[in-house]
Structure formats: structure tokens, C-alpha cells
Amino acid sequence: WHLGYQTREFTPTYRGFDSHLGYFAGYIDYYDHTIYEDTLLPNKPYYFGLDFHNGTEILKGQQGKYATHLFTETAEQIIRNHDTSKPLFLYLPHLAAHAGNLFKPEQAPPEVISKFKYIKDLNRRIHAAVISLLDDSIGTVFRALHQKDMLRNSIFLFVSDNGAEVNPKKGGYGSNYPLRGDKFTQWEGGIRLPAIIWSPLLNLEKPRIGQQLMHVTDWLPTFYRAAGKATISCFTIFRDNFQR
């Protein structure tokens, strides 16, 4: 979530979501779902605790279950149970491939890590496994939508929120090559990201690569229009990229 949780009113189910399974802060451990984070107060005391919620309630009993699998299974269940006469907005912001707690930044099942033995560096090998499982999750969501006969009327967006962290001291083992910089920098390696939009509704004869600038503030009005809604007053300051 990472959009505030000081009171219940800041949490997802008070901000328009019908349901929420996940964490309120910026990351958790991949297996025990705890967070160990600096409070940014004087002397930088840390706090540690379970940050895994179903709505506003702490969700216990899930420790040991890999986060990517939990989120994927929940997405599948939402799709299976959805009334197709109504629209669905499914927001699936995976923990992968964000670092977890710094003493165990990225984790994956050993049998998946072993598939990447050709990568010499162990941490890069783990990172590859994390990305591989993220890719599997996307495929699972696609299949669930197809089986529910929803895929033909869906718009699928895959996007990151920042460039990869490459500093091992910060739990990063990614790469932004050939771009300069990384997460937290203003270089292109920190702010220029790939994004994929897929939908049968686009009616493209073949895939198209766009190089134009797209900012996070563009997504809401663009997909609001793509869903068949007229532009509303709060969007008038934004350009609508769906019609461009």
C-alpha cells in the first residue's frame, strides 16, 4: 500500500477498495511477512512487527507462505468469484522484486533458485528466481481471466514505480543498464521505466512500441476514458493519452 496507515481512514478499504490483502508499509519479508524499518526519528530507532493484513485486520497463520504465491492465489480467487456483469479493477502490486528486510532482502524457494545455477553471483541468482516467479504470477492471472471469459474485455497494465536498486547495501541486486543511475536518483535509471499495456480492445494489427513520455498522473484519466467513462472535472488538468 505505502500510502499511509496512521488511522484506518488511510487504509485501502477506506479509500475505495472492496477488499485488500497485503501490507501497509513499503515492503515485508517474503516468508514471515514482518517489517524491520527505520522510524526516521532522532537516533533512528527501528520497529519490527507483522505487517500483513486482510482489510484492517492483522492476518496471522500465513507465515512461511511465499508472498508472491499468496498474492497470486488471492487474485485468482477474486477473479473466480467475480460477477462478470460488473466491472472489475484488480490492483496487484507484488512485493517482487522489491527488497524485503535488509538482513534478507530477496528470497525465493530453493528449487527455483537452482534453475539459475549458470548465474555466478548468488544474490543475482536469487533475484532471477524472484523475477521468474513474478512472471509465473502474471501468466496465472492471464489464465484465470481467460477461464472466466473476462480476458477479451480486459485492459492489462504492467508497470514499475521506479528504477531498480543496484546497491547491495540497500538490498539491491537489479540492473538499469544501459541507463545511468538507480532508485532514488533523478537519472534515467531511476525514473525511466518500461511499461506494457495489453488488451484485445486496442485492435492493433501488431504490437507497437511507444517512446513518448508517460507520467504516473496520466494513468487514472487514461484508463478512466478507456473504460468508457467521460472525462470528469478533476481530470481537466491532465491530457488524456487514450485518445492520442
C-alpha atoms as a PDB file:
ATOM      1  CA  TRP A   1       0.000   0.000   0.000  1.00  0.00           C
ATOM      2  CA  HIS A   2       2.583   2.537   1.174  1.00  0.00           C
ATOM      3  CA  LEU A   3       0.098   5.430   1.083  1.00  0.00           C
ATOM      4  CA  GLY A   4      -0.290   5.975   4.805  1.00  0.00           C
ATOM      5  CA  TYR A   5      -1.783   3.984   7.656  1.00  0.00           C
ATOM      6  CA  GLN A   6      -1.795   6.309  10.666  1.00  0.00           C
ATOM      7  CA  THR A   7      -5.525   5.687  11.065  1.00  0.00           C
ATOM      8  CA  ARG A   8      -7.960   3.257   9.461  1.00  0.00           C
ATOM      9  CA  GLU A   9      -9.190   6.016   7.176  1.00  0.00           C
ATOM     10  CA  PHE A  10      -5.848   5.977   5.343  1.00  0.00           C
ATOM     11  CA  THR A  11      -6.002   2.264   4.524  1.00  0.00           C
ATOM     12  CA  PRO A  12      -7.216   0.667   1.254  1.00  0.00           C
ATOM     13  CA  THR A  13     -10.729  -0.401   2.232  1.00  0.00           C
ATOM     14  CA  TYR A  14     -11.435   3.139   3.429  1.00  0.00           C
ATOM     15  CA  ARG A  15     -10.073   4.578   0.183  1.00  0.00           C
ATOM     16  CA  GLY A  16     -12.354   2.869  -2.319  1.00  0.00           C
ATOM     17  CA  PHE A  17     -11.192  -0.769  -2.396  1.00  0.00           C
ATOM     18  CA  ASP A  18     -13.714  -3.526  -1.661  1.00  0.00           C
ATOM     19  CA  SER A  19     -11.000  -5.763  -0.240  1.00  0.00           C
ATOM     20  CA  HIS A  20      -7.293  -5.747   0.498  1.00  0.00           C
ATOM     21  CA  LEU A  21      -4.755  -8.434   1.301  1.00  0.00           C
ATOM     22  CA  GLY A  22      -1.209  -7.266   1.862  1.00  0.00           C
ATOM     23  CA  TYR A  23       0.988  -4.873   3.785  1.00  0.00           C
ATOM     24  CA  PHE A  24       0.568  -1.215   4.684  1.00  0.00           C
ATOM     25  CA  ALA A  25       4.236  -0.133   4.643  1.00  0.00           C
ATOM     26  CA  GLY A  26       6.690  -0.278   1.736  1.00  0.00           C
ATOM     27  CA  TYR A  27       7.863  -3.890   1.994  1.00  0.00           C
ATOM     28  CA  ILE A  28       7.779  -7.047   4.109  1.00  0.00           C
ATOM     29  CA  ASP A  29       9.761 -10.249   4.434  1.00  0.00           C
ATOM     30  CA  TYR A  30       8.920 -12.700   1.642  1.00  0.00           C
ATOM     31  CA  TYR A  31       8.126 -15.523   4.055  1.00  0.00           C
ATOM     32  CA  ASP A  32       7.286 -14.288   7.570  1.00  0.00           C
ATOM     33  CA  HIS A  33       5.680 -11.002   6.354  1.00  0.00           C
ATOM     34  CA  THR A  34       7.336  -8.883   9.037  1.00  0.00           C
ATOM     35  CA  ILE A  35       8.843  -5.445   8.594  1.00  0.00           C
ATOM     36  CA  TYR A  36      12.021  -4.113  10.187  1.00  0.00           C
ATOM     37  CA  GLU A  37      12.277  -0.417   9.399  1.00  0.00           C
ATOM     38  CA  ASP A  38      13.913   2.819  10.495  1.00  0.00           C
ATOM     39  CA  THR A  39      11.445   5.257  12.097  1.00  0.00           C
ATOM     40  CA  LEU A  40      13.475   8.307  10.920  1.00  0.00           C
ATOM     41  CA  LEU A  41      13.262   9.696  14.454  1.00  0.00           C
ATOM     42  CA  PRO A  42      16.340  11.021  16.319  1.00  0.00           C
ATOM     43  CA  ASN A  43      18.914   8.240  16.817  1.00  0.00           C
ATOM     44  CA  LYS A  44      16.956   6.247  14.201  1.00  0.00           C
ATOM     45  CA  PRO A  45      15.208   3.642  16.365  1.00  0.00           C
ATOM     46  CA  TYR A  46      13.800   0.704  14.414  1.00  0.00           C
ATOM     47  CA  TYR A  47      10.458  -1.009  14.718  1.00  0.00           C
ATOM     48  CA  PHE A  48       9.721  -4.639  13.966  1.00  0.00           C
ATOM     49  CA  GLY A  49       6.431  -6.455  13.596  1.00  0.00           C
ATOM     50  CA  LEU A  50       3.957  -8.348  11.465  1.00  0.00           C
ATOM     51  CA  ASP A  51       2.618  -6.184   8.621  1.00  0.00           C
ATOM     52  CA  PHE A  52       0.171  -8.460   6.843  1.00  0.00           C
ATOM     53  CA  HIS A  53      -3.499  -7.539   6.699  1.00  0.00           C
ATOM     54  CA  ASN A  54      -6.857  -8.695   5.440  1.00  0.00           C
ATOM     55  CA  GLY A  55      -8.669  -5.371   5.250  1.00  0.00           C
ATOM     56  CA  THR A  56      -7.743  -3.673   8.501  1.00  0.00           C
ATOM     57  CA  GLU A  57      -7.245  -6.886  10.473  1.00  0.00           C
ATOM     58  CA  ILE A  58      -3.835  -8.439  11.107  1.00  0.00           C
ATOM     59  CA  LEU A  59      -3.674 -11.721   9.193  1.00  0.00           C
ATOM     60  CA  LYS A  60      -1.945 -14.435  11.181  1.00  0.00           C
ATOM     61  CA  GLY A  61      -1.204 -18.021  10.268  1.00  0.00           C
ATOM     62  CA  GLN A  62       0.307 -17.249   6.857  1.00  0.00           C
ATOM     63  CA  GLN A  63       3.958 -17.203   7.960  1.00  0.00           C
ATOM     64  CA  GLY A  64       6.097 -19.467   5.826  1.00  0.00           C
ATOM     65  CA  LYS A  65       3.977 -18.941   2.714  1.00  0.00           C
ATOM     66  CA  TYR A  66       5.805 -17.173  -0.091  1.00  0.00           C
ATOM     67  CA  ALA A  67       4.386 -13.679  -0.658  1.00  0.00           C
ATOM     68  CA  THR A  68       4.204 -13.900  -4.463  1.00  0.00           C
ATOM     69  CA  HIS A  69       2.184 -17.116  -4.216  1.00  0.00           C
ATOM     70  CA  LEU A  70      -0.202 -15.623  -1.641  1.00  0.00           C
ATOM     71  CA  PHE A  71      -0.920 -12.553  -3.741  1.00  0.00           C
ATOM     72  CA  THR A  72      -1.384 -14.639  -6.886  1.00  0.00           C
ATOM     73  CA  GLU A  73      -3.785 -17.053  -5.192  1.00  0.00           C
ATOM     74  CA  THR A  74      -5.826 -14.125  -3.856  1.00  0.00           C
ATOM     75  CA  ALA A  75      -6.012 -12.546  -7.317  1.00  0.00           C
ATOM     76  CA  GLU A  76      -7.182 -15.881  -8.764  1.00  0.00           C
ATOM     77  CA  GLN A  77      -9.886 -16.160  -6.111  1.00  0.00           C
ATOM     78  CA  ILE A  78     -11.137 -12.632  -6.761  1.00  0.00           C
ATOM     79  CA  ILE A  79     -11.389 -13.365 -10.493  1.00  0.00           C
ATOM     80  CA  ARG A  80     -13.142 -16.718  -9.972  1.00  0.00           C
ATOM     81  CA  ASN A  81     -15.715 -15.184  -7.625  1.00  0.00           C
ATOM     82  CA  HIS A  82     -16.331 -12.044  -9.664  1.00  0.00           C
ATOM     83  CA  ASP A  83     -19.767 -11.237 -11.081  1.00  0.00           C
ATOM     84  CA  THR A  84     -18.917 -10.617 -14.742  1.00  0.00           C
ATOM     85  CA  SER A  85     -21.937  -8.347 -15.190  1.00  0.00           C
ATOM     86  CA  LYS A  86     -19.996  -5.771 -13.175  1.00  0.00           C
ATOM     87  CA  PRO A  87     -16.608  -4.138 -13.915  1.00  0.00           C
ATOM     88  CA  LEU A  88     -13.513  -5.219 -12.018  1.00  0.00           C
ATOM     89  CA  PHE A  89     -10.476  -3.173 -11.057  1.00  0.00           C
ATOM     90  CA  LEU A  90      -7.780  -5.577  -9.848  1.00  0.00           C
ATOM     91  CA  TYR A  91      -4.682  -3.933  -8.393  1.00  0.00           C
ATOM     92  CA  LEU A  92      -1.855  -6.425  -7.873  1.00  0.00           C
ATOM     93  CA  PRO A  93       1.303  -4.619  -6.691  1.00  0.00           C
ATOM     94  CA  HIS A  94       3.659  -7.510  -5.948  1.00  0.00           C
ATOM     95  CA  LEU A  95       6.407  -7.424  -3.344  1.00  0.00           C
ATOM     96  CA  ALA A  96       8.629  -8.938  -6.057  1.00  0.00           C
ATOM     97  CA  ALA A  97      11.202  -7.725  -6.937  1.00  0.00           C
ATOM     98  CA  HIS A  98      11.418  -5.214  -4.103  1.00  0.00           C
ATOM     99  CA  ALA A  99      13.838  -5.930  -1.289  1.00  0.00           C
ATOM    100  CA  GLY A 100      12.382  -7.247   1.926  1.00  0.00           C
ATOM    101  CA  ASN A 101      14.082  -6.666   5.257  1.00  0.00           C
ATOM    102  CA  LEU A 102      17.742  -5.809   4.737  1.00  0.00           C
ATOM    103  CA  PHE A 103      19.012  -8.880   6.569  1.00  0.00           C
ATOM    104  CA  LYS A 104      17.133 -10.976   3.954  1.00  0.00           C
ATOM    105  CA  PRO A 105      16.476  -8.579   1.063  1.00  0.00           C
ATOM    106  CA  GLU A 106      15.235 -11.022  -1.588  1.00  0.00           C
ATOM    107  CA  GLN A 107      14.107 -14.605  -1.140  1.00  0.00           C
ATOM    108  CA  ALA A 108      12.788 -17.401  -3.306  1.00  0.00           C
ATOM    109  CA  PRO A 109      12.171 -21.156  -2.987  1.00  0.00           C
ATOM    110  CA  PRO A 110      15.431 -23.137  -3.304  1.00  0.00           C
ATOM    111  CA  GLU A 111      14.085 -25.238  -6.176  1.00  0.00           C
ATOM    112  CA  VAL A 112      13.500 -22.087  -8.225  1.00  0.00           C
ATOM    113  CA  ILE A 113      16.884 -20.589  -7.373  1.00  0.00           C
ATOM    114  CA  SER A 114      18.556 -23.817  -8.514  1.00  0.00           C
ATOM    115  CA  LYS A 115      17.199 -23.236 -12.045  1.00  0.00           C
ATOM    116  CA  PHE A 116      19.617 -20.337 -12.395  1.00  0.00           C
ATOM    117  CA  LYS A 117      22.869 -22.086 -11.477  1.00  0.00           C
ATOM    118  CA  TYR A 118      24.525 -20.556 -14.538  1.00  0.00           C
ATOM    119  CA  ILE A 119      24.442 -17.152 -12.769  1.00  0.00           C
ATOM    120  CA  LYS A 120      27.623 -16.991 -10.698  1.00  0.00           C
ATOM    121  CA  ASP A 121      26.603 -14.363  -8.152  1.00  0.00           C
ATOM    122  CA  LEU A 122      24.228 -15.886  -5.577  1.00  0.00           C
ATOM    123  CA  ASN A 123      22.274 -12.695  -4.977  1.00  0.00           C
ATOM    124  CA  ARG A 124      21.747 -12.159  -8.706  1.00  0.00           C
ATOM    125  CA  ARG A 125      20.658 -15.798  -8.899  1.00  0.00           C
ATOM    126  CA  ILE A 126      18.042 -15.183  -6.181  1.00  0.00           C
ATOM    127  CA  HIS A 127      16.936 -12.012  -7.964  1.00  0.00           C
ATOM    128  CA  ALA A 128      16.408 -14.011 -11.164  1.00  0.00           C
ATOM    129  CA  ALA A 129      14.289 -16.529  -9.267  1.00  0.00           C
ATOM    130  CA  VAL A 130      12.162 -13.737  -7.772  1.00  0.00           C
ATOM    131  CA  ILE A 131      11.551 -12.276 -11.251  1.00  0.00           C
ATOM    132  CA  SER A 132      10.788 -15.736 -12.663  1.00  0.00           C
ATOM    133  CA  LEU A 133       8.053 -16.275 -10.063  1.00  0.00           C
ATOM    134  CA  LEU A 134       6.660 -12.816 -10.778  1.00  0.00           C
ATOM    135  CA  ASP A 135       6.445 -13.790 -14.449  1.00  0.00           C
ATOM    136  CA  ASP A 136       4.633 -17.004 -13.493  1.00  0.00           C
ATOM    137  CA  SER A 137       2.165 -14.952 -11.454  1.00  0.00           C
ATOM    138  CA  ILE A 138       1.296 -12.769 -14.429  1.00  0.00           C
ATOM    139  CA  GLY A 139       0.660 -15.871 -16.517  1.00  0.00           C
ATOM    140  CA  THR A 140      -1.588 -17.294 -13.801  1.00  0.00           C
ATOM    141  CA  VAL A 141      -3.682 -14.110 -13.697  1.00  0.00           C
ATOM    142  CA  PHE A 142      -3.996 -14.164 -17.501  1.00  0.00           C
ATOM    143  CA  ARG A 143      -5.210 -17.755 -17.440  1.00  0.00           C
ATOM    144  CA  ALA A 144      -7.721 -17.015 -14.680  1.00  0.00           C
ATOM    145  CA  LEU A 145      -9.180 -14.130 -16.682  1.00  0.00           C
ATOM    146  CA  HIS A 146      -9.338 -16.312 -19.791  1.00  0.00           C
ATOM    147  CA  GLN A 147     -11.073 -19.161 -17.953  1.00  0.00           C
ATOM    148  CA  LYS A 148     -13.621 -16.675 -16.608  1.00  0.00           C
ATOM    149  CA  ASP A 149     -14.120 -15.320 -20.151  1.00  0.00           C
ATOM    150  CA  MET A 150     -13.008 -11.875 -18.970  1.00  0.00           C
ATOM    151  CA  LEU A 151      -9.752 -11.560 -20.882  1.00  0.00           C
ATOM    152  CA  ARG A 152     -11.377 -10.429 -24.134  1.00  0.00           C
ATOM    153  CA  ASN A 153     -12.834  -7.402 -22.351  1.00  0.00           C
ATOM    154  CA  SER A 154      -9.836  -6.527 -20.176  1.00  0.00           C
ATOM    155  CA  ILE A 155      -7.051  -3.974 -20.229  1.00  0.00           C
ATOM    156  CA  PHE A 156      -3.836  -5.219 -18.657  1.00  0.00           C
ATOM    157  CA  LEU A 157      -1.150  -2.817 -17.407  1.00  0.00           C
ATOM    158  CA  PHE A 158       2.254  -3.978 -16.192  1.00  0.00           C
ATOM    159  CA  VAL A 159       4.449  -1.189 -14.837  1.00  0.00           C
ATOM    160  CA  SER A 160       7.038  -0.477 -12.147  1.00  0.00           C
ATOM    161  CA  ASP A 161       7.204   2.543  -9.860  1.00  0.00           C
ATOM    162  CA  ASN A 162      10.932   3.279 -10.101  1.00  0.00           C
ATOM    163  CA  GLY A 163      14.199   2.021 -11.470  1.00  0.00           C
ATOM    164  CA  ALA A 164      15.977  -0.920  -9.879  1.00  0.00           C
ATOM    165  CA  GLU A 165      18.055  -0.599  -6.727  1.00  0.00           C
ATOM    166  CA  VAL A 166      21.584  -1.730  -7.574  1.00  0.00           C
ATOM    167  CA  ASN A 167      23.359  -1.073  -4.261  1.00  0.00           C
ATOM    168  CA  PRO A 168      23.767  -4.314  -2.245  1.00  0.00           C
ATOM    169  CA  LYS A 169      23.999  -2.252   0.973  1.00  0.00           C
ATOM    170  CA  LYS A 170      20.385  -1.241   0.313  1.00  0.00           C
ATOM    171  CA  GLY A 171      19.316  -4.746  -0.602  1.00  0.00           C
ATOM    172  CA  GLY A 172      19.514  -4.146  -4.331  1.00  0.00           C
ATOM    173  CA  TYR A 173      20.770  -6.575  -6.966  1.00  0.00           C
ATOM    174  CA  GLY A 174      18.934  -5.273 -10.008  1.00  0.00           C
ATOM    175  CA  SER A 175      20.247  -3.514 -13.110  1.00  0.00           C
ATOM    176  CA  ASN A 176      19.175  -0.482 -15.123  1.00  0.00           C
ATOM    177  CA  TYR A 177      21.781  -0.932 -17.861  1.00  0.00           C
ATOM    178  CA  PRO A 178      22.348   0.911 -20.146  1.00  0.00           C
ATOM    179  CA  LEU A 179      20.738   3.790 -18.248  1.00  0.00           C
ATOM    180  CA  ARG A 180      22.636   5.826 -15.677  1.00  0.00           C
ATOM    181  CA  GLY A 181      21.586   5.858 -12.027  1.00  0.00           C
ATOM    182  CA  ASP A 182      19.222   3.788  -9.929  1.00  0.00           C
ATOM    183  CA  LYS A 183      16.346   4.069  -7.480  1.00  0.00           C
ATOM    184  CA  PHE A 184      16.244   7.375  -5.548  1.00  0.00           C
ATOM    185  CA  THR A 185      18.177   9.184  -8.288  1.00  0.00           C
ATOM    186  CA  GLN A 186      16.860  11.589 -10.922  1.00  0.00           C
ATOM    187  CA  TRP A 187      18.900   9.942 -13.670  1.00  0.00           C
ATOM    188  CA  GLU A 188      17.009   7.889 -16.237  1.00  0.00           C
ATOM    189  CA  GLY A 189      17.975   4.683 -14.439  1.00  0.00           C
ATOM    190  CA  GLY A 190      15.844   5.871 -11.534  1.00  0.00           C
ATOM    191  CA  ILE A 191      12.809   7.295 -13.303  1.00  0.00           C
ATOM    192  CA  ARG A 192      12.591   5.852 -16.835  1.00  0.00           C
ATOM    193  CA  LEU A 193      10.743   2.559 -16.805  1.00  0.00           C
ATOM    194  CA  PRO A 194       9.297   0.089 -19.273  1.00  0.00           C
ATOM    195  CA  ALA A 195       5.547  -0.454 -19.233  1.00  0.00           C
ATOM    196  CA  ILE A 196       3.349  -2.918 -21.068  1.00  0.00           C
ATOM    197  CA  ILE A 197      -0.298  -2.402 -21.974  1.00  0.00           C
ATOM    198  CA  TRP A 198      -2.128  -5.380 -23.445  1.00  0.00           C
ATOM    199  CA  SER A 199      -5.757  -5.635 -24.474  1.00  0.00           C
ATOM    200  CA  PRO A 200      -7.834  -7.145 -27.295  1.00  0.00           C
ATOM    201  CA  LEU A 201      -9.752  -3.858 -27.210  1.00  0.00           C
ATOM    202  CA  LEU A 202      -6.780  -1.982 -28.707  1.00  0.00           C
ATOM    203  CA  ASN A 203      -7.395  -3.635 -32.106  1.00  0.00           C
ATOM    204  CA  LEU A 204      -3.724  -3.453 -33.093  1.00  0.00           C
ATOM    205  CA  GLU A 205      -2.564  -5.425 -36.118  1.00  0.00           C
ATOM    206  CA  LYS A 206       0.808  -5.909 -34.440  1.00  0.00           C
ATOM    207  CA  PRO A 207       2.498  -4.804 -31.199  1.00  0.00           C
ATOM    208  CA  ARG A 208       3.627  -1.182 -31.105  1.00  0.00           C
ATOM    209  CA  ILE A 209       6.448   0.409 -29.122  1.00  0.00           C
ATOM    210  CA  GLY A 210       5.856   3.959 -27.906  1.00  0.00           C
ATOM    211  CA  GLN A 211       8.642   6.315 -26.883  1.00  0.00           C
ATOM    212  CA  GLN A 212       6.531   9.233 -25.685  1.00  0.00           C
ATOM    213  CA  LEU A 213       6.614  10.462 -22.105  1.00  0.00           C
ATOM    214  CA  MET A 214       4.026   8.908 -19.804  1.00  0.00           C
ATOM    215  CA  HIS A 215       3.780  10.038 -16.185  1.00  0.00           C
ATOM    216  CA  VAL A 216       2.072   8.332 -13.256  1.00  0.00           C
ATOM    217  CA  THR A 217      -0.581  11.074 -13.229  1.00  0.00           C
ATOM    218  CA  ASP A 218      -1.597  10.041 -16.770  1.00  0.00           C
ATOM    219  CA  TRP A 219      -2.787   6.576 -15.833  1.00  0.00           C
ATOM    220  CA  LEU A 220      -6.004   7.434 -13.997  1.00  0.00           C
ATOM    221  CA  PRO A 221      -7.626   9.704 -16.611  1.00  0.00           C
ATOM    222  CA  THR A 222      -6.357   7.496 -19.441  1.00  0.00           C
ATOM    223  CA  PHE A 223      -7.870   4.284 -18.108  1.00  0.00           C
ATOM    224  CA  TYR A 224     -10.984   6.076 -16.916  1.00  0.00           C
ATOM    225  CA  ARG A 225     -11.612   7.101 -20.520  1.00  0.00           C
ATOM    226  CA  ALA A 226     -10.596   3.682 -21.851  1.00  0.00           C
ATOM    227  CA  ALA A 227     -13.239   2.118 -19.583  1.00  0.00           C
ATOM    228  CA  GLY A 228     -15.853   4.153 -21.430  1.00  0.00           C
ATOM    229  CA  LYS A 229     -16.283   6.994 -18.973  1.00  0.00           C
ATOM    230  CA  ALA A 230     -16.406  10.647 -19.964  1.00  0.00           C
ATOM    231  CA  THR A 231     -13.714  12.941 -18.630  1.00  0.00           C
ATOM    232  CA  ILE A 232     -14.759  14.450 -15.299  1.00  0.00           C
ATOM    233  CA  SER A 233     -13.816  17.836 -13.937  1.00  0.00           C
ATOM    234  CA  CYS A 234     -10.943  16.741 -11.717  1.00  0.00           C
ATOM    235  CA  PHE A 235      -9.152  15.368 -14.807  1.00  0.00           C
ATOM    236  CA  THR A 236      -9.302  18.503 -16.899  1.00  0.00           C
ATOM    237  CA  ILE A 237      -5.742  19.482 -15.976  1.00  0.00           C
ATOM    238  CA  PHE A 238      -4.420  16.212 -17.458  1.00  0.00           C
ATOM    239  CA  ARG A 239      -4.000  15.216 -21.078  1.00  0.00           C
ATOM    240  CA  ASP A 240      -5.938  12.082 -21.927  1.00  0.00           C
ATOM    241  CA  ASN A 241      -3.496   9.679 -23.603  1.00  0.00           C
ATOM    242  CA  PHE A 242      -6.183   7.167 -24.609  1.00  0.00           C
ATOM    243  CA  GLN A 243      -7.357   9.448 -27.414  1.00  0.00           C
ATOM    244  CA  ARG A 244      -3.837  10.354 -28.569  1.00  0.00           C
END
